[in-house]
Amino acid sequence: MAPSAASGVSSLPSGFAVFITFPDLLFTFEFVFSYVATLLYVVHAVFSLIRWKSS
């Protein structure tokens, strides 16, 4: 048996430590970029629709 299994302690980070690991930091930038890209697309679509309706 592994030592962590015997003691019942998980080796996964918990609390705020989950957000400061390096791969999670990279995922944070991906989520922010995808949010900004989606927001810009929606704004573009709305203004394109307004322009199309006014012509």
PDB file of N, CA and C in Angstrom:
ATOM      1  N   MET A   1       0.829  -1.182   0.000  1.00  0.00           N
ATOM      2  CA  MET A   1       0.000   0.000   0.000  1.00  0.00           C
ATOM      3  C   MET A   1       0.872   1.244   0.000  1.00  0.00           C
ATOM      4  N   ALA A   2       0.374   2.276  -0.677  1.00  0.00           N
ATOM      5  CA  ALA A   2       1.099   3.539  -0.700  1.00  0.00           C
ATOM      6  C   ALA A   2       0.944   4.233   0.649  1.00  0.00           C
ATOM      7  N   PRO A   3       1.936   5.011   1.047  1.00  0.00           N
ATOM      8  CA  PRO A   3       1.840   5.693   2.343  1.00  0.00           C
ATOM      9  C   PRO A   3       0.643   6.630   2.445  1.00  0.00           C
ATOM     10  N   SER A   4       0.309   7.326   1.348  1.00  0.00           N
ATOM     11  CA  SER A   4      -0.818   8.252   1.432  1.00  0.00           C
ATOM     12  C   SER A   4      -2.138   7.486   1.551  1.00  0.00           C
ATOM     13  N   ALA A   5      -2.212   6.308   0.956  1.00  0.00           N
ATOM     14  CA  ALA A   5      -3.441   5.522   1.053  1.00  0.00           C
ATOM     15  C   ALA A   5      -3.603   4.971   2.460  1.00  0.00           C
ATOM     16  N   ALA A   6      -2.506   4.622   3.089  1.00  0.00           N
ATOM     17  CA  ALA A   6      -2.577   4.064   4.431  1.00  0.00           C
ATOM     18  C   ALA A   6      -2.986   5.124   5.449  1.00  0.00           C
ATOM     19  N   SER A   7      -2.489   6.351   5.270  1.00  0.00           N
ATOM     20  CA  SER A   7      -2.805   7.394   6.247  1.00  0.00           C
ATOM     21  C   SER A   7      -4.111   8.113   5.929  1.00  0.00           C
ATOM     22  N   GLY A   8      -4.632   7.930   4.717  1.00  0.00           N
ATOM     23  CA  GLY A   8      -5.882   8.574   4.364  1.00  0.00           C
ATOM     24  C   GLY A   8      -5.719  10.021   3.933  1.00  0.00           C
ATOM     25  N   VAL A   9      -4.496  10.465   3.704  1.00  0.00           N
ATOM     26  CA  VAL A   9      -4.240  11.853   3.318  1.00  0.00           C
ATOM     27  C   VAL A   9      -4.105  11.911   1.801  1.00  0.00           C
ATOM     28  N   SER A  10      -4.784  12.840   1.182  1.00  0.00           N
ATOM     29  CA  SER A  10      -4.716  13.011  -0.268  1.00  0.00           C
ATOM     30  C   SER A  10      -3.499  13.846  -0.622  1.00  0.00           C
ATOM     31  N   SER A  11      -2.864  13.509  -1.757  1.00  0.00           N
ATOM     32  CA  SER A  11      -1.706  14.277  -2.186  1.00  0.00           C
ATOM     33  C   SER A  11      -2.089  15.414  -3.122  1.00  0.00           C
ATOM     34  N   LEU A  12      -3.391  15.571  -3.415  1.00  0.00           N
ATOM     35  CA  LEU A  12      -3.844  16.649  -4.285  1.00  0.00           C
ATOM     36  C   LEU A  12      -3.845  17.968  -3.519  1.00  0.00           C
ATOM     37  N   PRO A  13      -3.537  19.079  -4.213  1.00  0.00           N
ATOM     38  CA  PRO A  13      -3.584  20.370  -3.525  1.00  0.00           C
ATOM     39  C   PRO A  13      -5.020  20.762  -3.201  1.00  0.00           C
ATOM     40  N   SER A  14      -5.182  21.519  -2.155  1.00  0.00           N
ATOM     41  CA  SER A  14      -6.521  21.948  -1.772  1.00  0.00           C
ATOM     42  C   SER A  14      -6.498  23.440  -1.466  1.00  0.00           C
ATOM     43  N   GLY A  15      -7.666  24.025  -1.456  1.00  0.00           N
ATOM     44  CA  GLY A  15      -7.770  25.438  -1.139  1.00  0.00           C
ATOM     45  C   GLY A  15      -7.177  26.301  -2.234  1.00  0.00           C
ATOM     46  N   PHE A  16      -6.508  27.366  -1.840  1.00  0.00           N
ATOM     47  CA  PHE A  16      -5.928  28.305  -2.799  1.00  0.00           C
ATOM     48  C   PHE A  16      -4.766  27.696  -3.564  1.00  0.00           C
ATOM     49  N   ALA A  17      -4.135  26.661  -3.027  1.00  0.00           N
ATOM     50  CA  ALA A  17      -2.998  26.016  -3.700  1.00  0.00           C
ATOM     51  C   ALA A  17      -3.398  25.424  -5.043  1.00  0.00           C
ATOM     52  N   VAL A  18      -4.667  25.143  -5.235  1.00  0.00           N
ATOM     53  CA  VAL A  18      -5.139  24.601  -6.510  1.00  0.00           C
ATOM     54  C   VAL A  18      -4.925  25.608  -7.624  1.00  0.00           C
ATOM     55  N   PHE A  19      -5.073  26.907  -7.323  1.00  0.00           N
ATOM     56  CA  PHE A  19      -5.004  27.945  -8.341  1.00  0.00           C
ATOM     57  C   PHE A  19      -3.594  28.434  -8.632  1.00  0.00           C
ATOM     58  N   ILE A  20      -2.601  28.025  -7.859  1.00  0.00           N
ATOM     59  CA  ILE A  20      -1.261  28.568  -8.067  1.00  0.00           C
ATOM     60  C   ILE A  20      -0.290  27.558  -8.660  1.00  0.00           C
ATOM     61  N   THR A  21      -0.768  26.383  -9.036  1.00  0.00           N
ATOM     62  CA  THR A  21       0.109  25.447  -9.721  1.00  0.00           C
ATOM     63  C   THR A  21       0.307  25.919 -11.151  1.00  0.00           C
ATOM     64  N   PHE A  22       1.436  25.614 -11.759  1.00  0.00           N
ATOM     65  CA  PHE A  22       1.786  26.166 -13.064  1.00  0.00           C
ATOM     66  C   PHE A  22       0.811  25.779 -14.168  1.00  0.00           C
ATOM     67  N   PRO A  23       0.412  24.511 -14.321  1.00  0.00           N
ATOM     68  CA  PRO A  23      -0.558  24.196 -15.387  1.00  0.00           C
ATOM     69  C   PRO A  23      -1.891  24.911 -15.199  1.00  0.00           C
ATOM     70  N   ASP A  24      -2.341  25.063 -13.962  1.00  0.00           N
ATOM     71  CA  ASP A  24      -3.590  25.767 -13.714  1.00  0.00           C
ATOM     72  C   ASP A  24      -3.459  27.244 -14.054  1.00  0.00           C
ATOM     73  N   LEU A  25      -2.281  27.806 -13.856  1.00  0.00           N
ATOM     74  CA  LEU A  25      -2.051  29.200 -14.224  1.00  0.00           C
ATOM     75  C   LEU A  25      -2.175  29.372 -15.730  1.00  0.00           C
ATOM     76  N   LEU A  26      -1.679  28.408 -16.501  1.00  0.00           N
ATOM     77  CA  LEU A  26      -1.819  28.468 -17.954  1.00  0.00           C
ATOM     78  C   LEU A  26      -3.275  28.347 -18.365  1.00  0.00           C
ATOM     79  N   PHE A  27      -4.035  27.489 -17.686  1.00  0.00           N
ATOM     80  CA  PHE A  27      -5.451  27.340 -18.000  1.00  0.00           C
ATOM     81  C   PHE A  27      -6.211  28.624 -17.703  1.00  0.00           C
ATOM     82  N   THR A  28      -5.784  29.371 -16.698  1.00  0.00           N
ATOM     83  CA  THR A  28      -6.439  30.637 -16.370  1.00  0.00           C
ATOM     84  C   THR A  28      -6.348  31.597 -17.540  1.00  0.00           C
ATOM     85  N   PHE A  29      -5.167  31.699 -18.167  1.00  0.00           N
ATOM     86  CA  PHE A  29      -5.010  32.588 -19.321  1.00  0.00           C
ATOM     87  C   PHE A  29      -5.867  32.111 -20.491  1.00  0.00           C
ATOM     88  N   GLU A  30      -5.993  30.813 -20.664  1.00  0.00           N
ATOM     89  CA  GLU A  30      -6.828  30.287 -21.741  1.00  0.00           C
ATOM     90  C   GLU A  30      -8.294  30.645 -21.524  1.00  0.00           C
ATOM     91  N   PHE A  31      -8.766  30.548 -20.283  1.00  0.00           N
ATOM     92  CA  PHE A  31     -10.159  30.889 -20.004  1.00  0.00           C
ATOM     93  C   PHE A  31     -10.412  32.378 -20.196  1.00  0.00           C
ATOM     94  N   VAL A  32      -9.463  33.207 -19.771  1.00  0.00           N
ATOM     95  CA  VAL A  32      -9.620  34.657 -19.938  1.00  0.00           C
ATOM     96  C   VAL A  32      -9.634  35.010 -21.417  1.00  0.00           C
ATOM     97  N   PHE A  33      -8.720  34.434 -22.194  1.00  0.00           N
ATOM     98  CA  PHE A  33      -8.671  34.720 -23.623  1.00  0.00           C
ATOM     99  C   PHE A  33      -9.943  34.254 -24.320  1.00  0.00           C
ATOM    100  N   SER A  34     -10.442  33.074 -23.966  1.00  0.00           N
ATOM    101  CA  SER A  34     -11.661  32.583 -24.610  1.00  0.00           C
ATOM    102  C   SER A  34     -12.859  33.456 -24.247  1.00  0.00           C
ATOM    103  N   TYR A  35     -12.901  33.961 -23.011  1.00  0.00           N
ATOM    104  CA  TYR A  35     -13.980  34.856 -22.608  1.00  0.00           C
ATOM    105  C   TYR A  35     -13.920  36.156 -23.404  1.00  0.00           C
ATOM    106  N   VAL A  36     -12.729  36.739 -23.540  1.00  0.00           N
ATOM    107  CA  VAL A  36     -12.572  37.990 -24.284  1.00  0.00           C
ATOM    108  C   VAL A  36     -12.907  37.783 -25.758  1.00  0.00           C
ATOM    109  N   ALA A  37     -12.452  36.682 -26.338  1.00  0.00           N
ATOM    110  CA  ALA A  37     -12.741  36.408 -27.746  1.00  0.00           C
ATOM    111  C   ALA A  37     -14.239  36.235 -27.965  1.00  0.00           C
ATOM    112  N   THR A  38     -14.923  35.545 -27.071  1.00  0.00           N
ATOM    113  CA  THR A  38     -16.368  35.361 -27.191  1.00  0.00           C
ATOM    114  C   THR A  38     -17.097  36.687 -27.037  1.00  0.00           C
ATOM    115  N   LEU A  39     -16.667  37.500 -26.088  1.00  0.00           N
ATOM    116  CA  LEU A  39     -17.285  38.804 -25.876  1.00  0.00           C
ATOM    117  C   LEU A  39     -17.123  39.691 -27.111  1.00  0.00           C
ATOM    118  N   LEU A  40     -15.934  39.718 -27.694  1.00  0.00           N
ATOM    119  CA  LEU A  40     -15.713  40.513 -28.901  1.00  0.00           C
ATOM    120  C   LEU A  40     -16.550  40.002 -30.065  1.00  0.00           C
ATOM    121  N   TYR A  41     -16.691  38.691 -30.186  1.00  0.00           N
ATOM    122  CA  TYR A  41     -17.513  38.122 -31.251  1.00  0.00           C
ATOM    123  C   TYR A  41     -18.974  38.526 -31.097  1.00  0.00           C
ATOM    124  N   VAL A  42     -19.494  38.484 -29.878  1.00  0.00           N
ATOM    125  CA  VAL A  42     -20.888  38.851 -29.643  1.00  0.00           C
ATOM    126  C   VAL A  42     -21.105  40.335 -29.936  1.00  0.00           C
ATOM    127  N   VAL A  43     -20.179  41.187 -29.504  1.00  0.00           N
ATOM    128  CA  VAL A  43     -20.292  42.617 -29.790  1.00  0.00           C
ATOM    129  C   VAL A  43     -20.266  42.850 -31.300  1.00  0.00           C
ATOM    130  N   HIS A  44     -19.372  42.175 -31.991  1.00  0.00           N
ATOM    131  CA  HIS A  44     -19.287  42.296 -33.445  1.00  0.00           C
ATOM    132  C   HIS A  44     -20.590  41.838 -34.113  1.00  0.00           C
ATOM    133  N   ALA A  45     -21.135  40.730 -33.651  1.00  0.00           N
ATOM    134  CA  ALA A  45     -22.377  40.211 -34.229  1.00  0.00           C
ATOM    135  C   ALA A  45     -23.538  41.181 -34.005  1.00  0.00           C
ATOM    136  N   VAL A  46     -23.622  41.778 -32.832  1.00  0.00           N
ATOM    137  CA  VAL A  46     -24.707  42.714 -32.533  1.00  0.00           C
ATOM    138  C   VAL A  46     -24.597  43.946 -33.422  1.00  0.00           C
ATOM    139  N   PHE A  47     -23.397  44.516 -33.522  1.00  0.00           N
ATOM    140  CA  PHE A  47     -23.239  45.703 -34.360  1.00  0.00           C
ATOM    141  C   PHE A  47     -23.417  45.388 -35.839  1.00  0.00           C
ATOM    142  N   SER A  48     -23.039  44.211 -36.275  1.00  0.00           N
ATOM    143  CA  SER A  48     -23.264  43.802 -37.666  1.00  0.00           C
ATOM    144  C   SER A  48     -24.754  43.664 -37.946  1.00  0.00           C
ATOM    145  N   LEU A  49     -25.498  43.111 -36.989  1.00  0.00           N
ATOM    146  CA  LEU A  49     -26.938  42.971 -37.145  1.00  0.00           C
ATOM    147  C   LEU A  49     -27.613  44.343 -37.212  1.00  0.00           C
ATOM    148  N   ILE A  50     -27.189  45.264 -36.359  1.00  0.00           N
ATOM    149  CA  ILE A  50     -27.740  46.624 -36.378  1.00  0.00           C
ATOM    150  C   ILE A  50     -27.442  47.283 -37.715  1.00  0.00           C
ATOM    151  N   ARG A  51     -26.227  47.131 -38.201  1.00  0.00           N
ATOM    152  CA  ARG A  51     -25.854  47.737 -39.484  1.00  0.00           C
ATOM    153  C   ARG A  51     -26.649  47.117 -40.631  1.00  0.00           C
ATOM    154  N   TRP A  52     -26.839  45.800 -40.589  1.00  0.00           N
ATOM    155  CA  TRP A  52     -27.585  45.105 -41.633  1.00  0.00           C
ATOM    156  C   TRP A  52     -29.044  45.526 -41.647  1.00  0.00           C
ATOM    157  N   LYS A  53     -29.645  45.697 -40.442  1.00  0.00           N
ATOM    158  CA  LYS A  53     -31.042  46.088 -40.348  1.00  0.00           C
ATOM    159  C   LYS A  53     -31.250  47.536 -40.800  1.00  0.00           C
ATOM    160  N   SER A  54     -30.260  48.394 -40.626  1.00  0.00           N
ATOM    161  CA  SER A  54     -30.432  49.806 -40.979  1.00  0.00           C
ATOM    162  C   SER A  54     -30.204  50.065 -42.465  1.00  0.00           C
ATOM    163  N   SER A  55     -29.675  49.096 -43.192  1.00  0.00           N
ATOM    164  CA  SER A  55     -29.432  49.319 -44.627  1.00  0.00           C
ATOM    165  C   SER A  55     -30.611  48.930 -45.490  1.00  0.00           C
TER     166      SER A  55
END
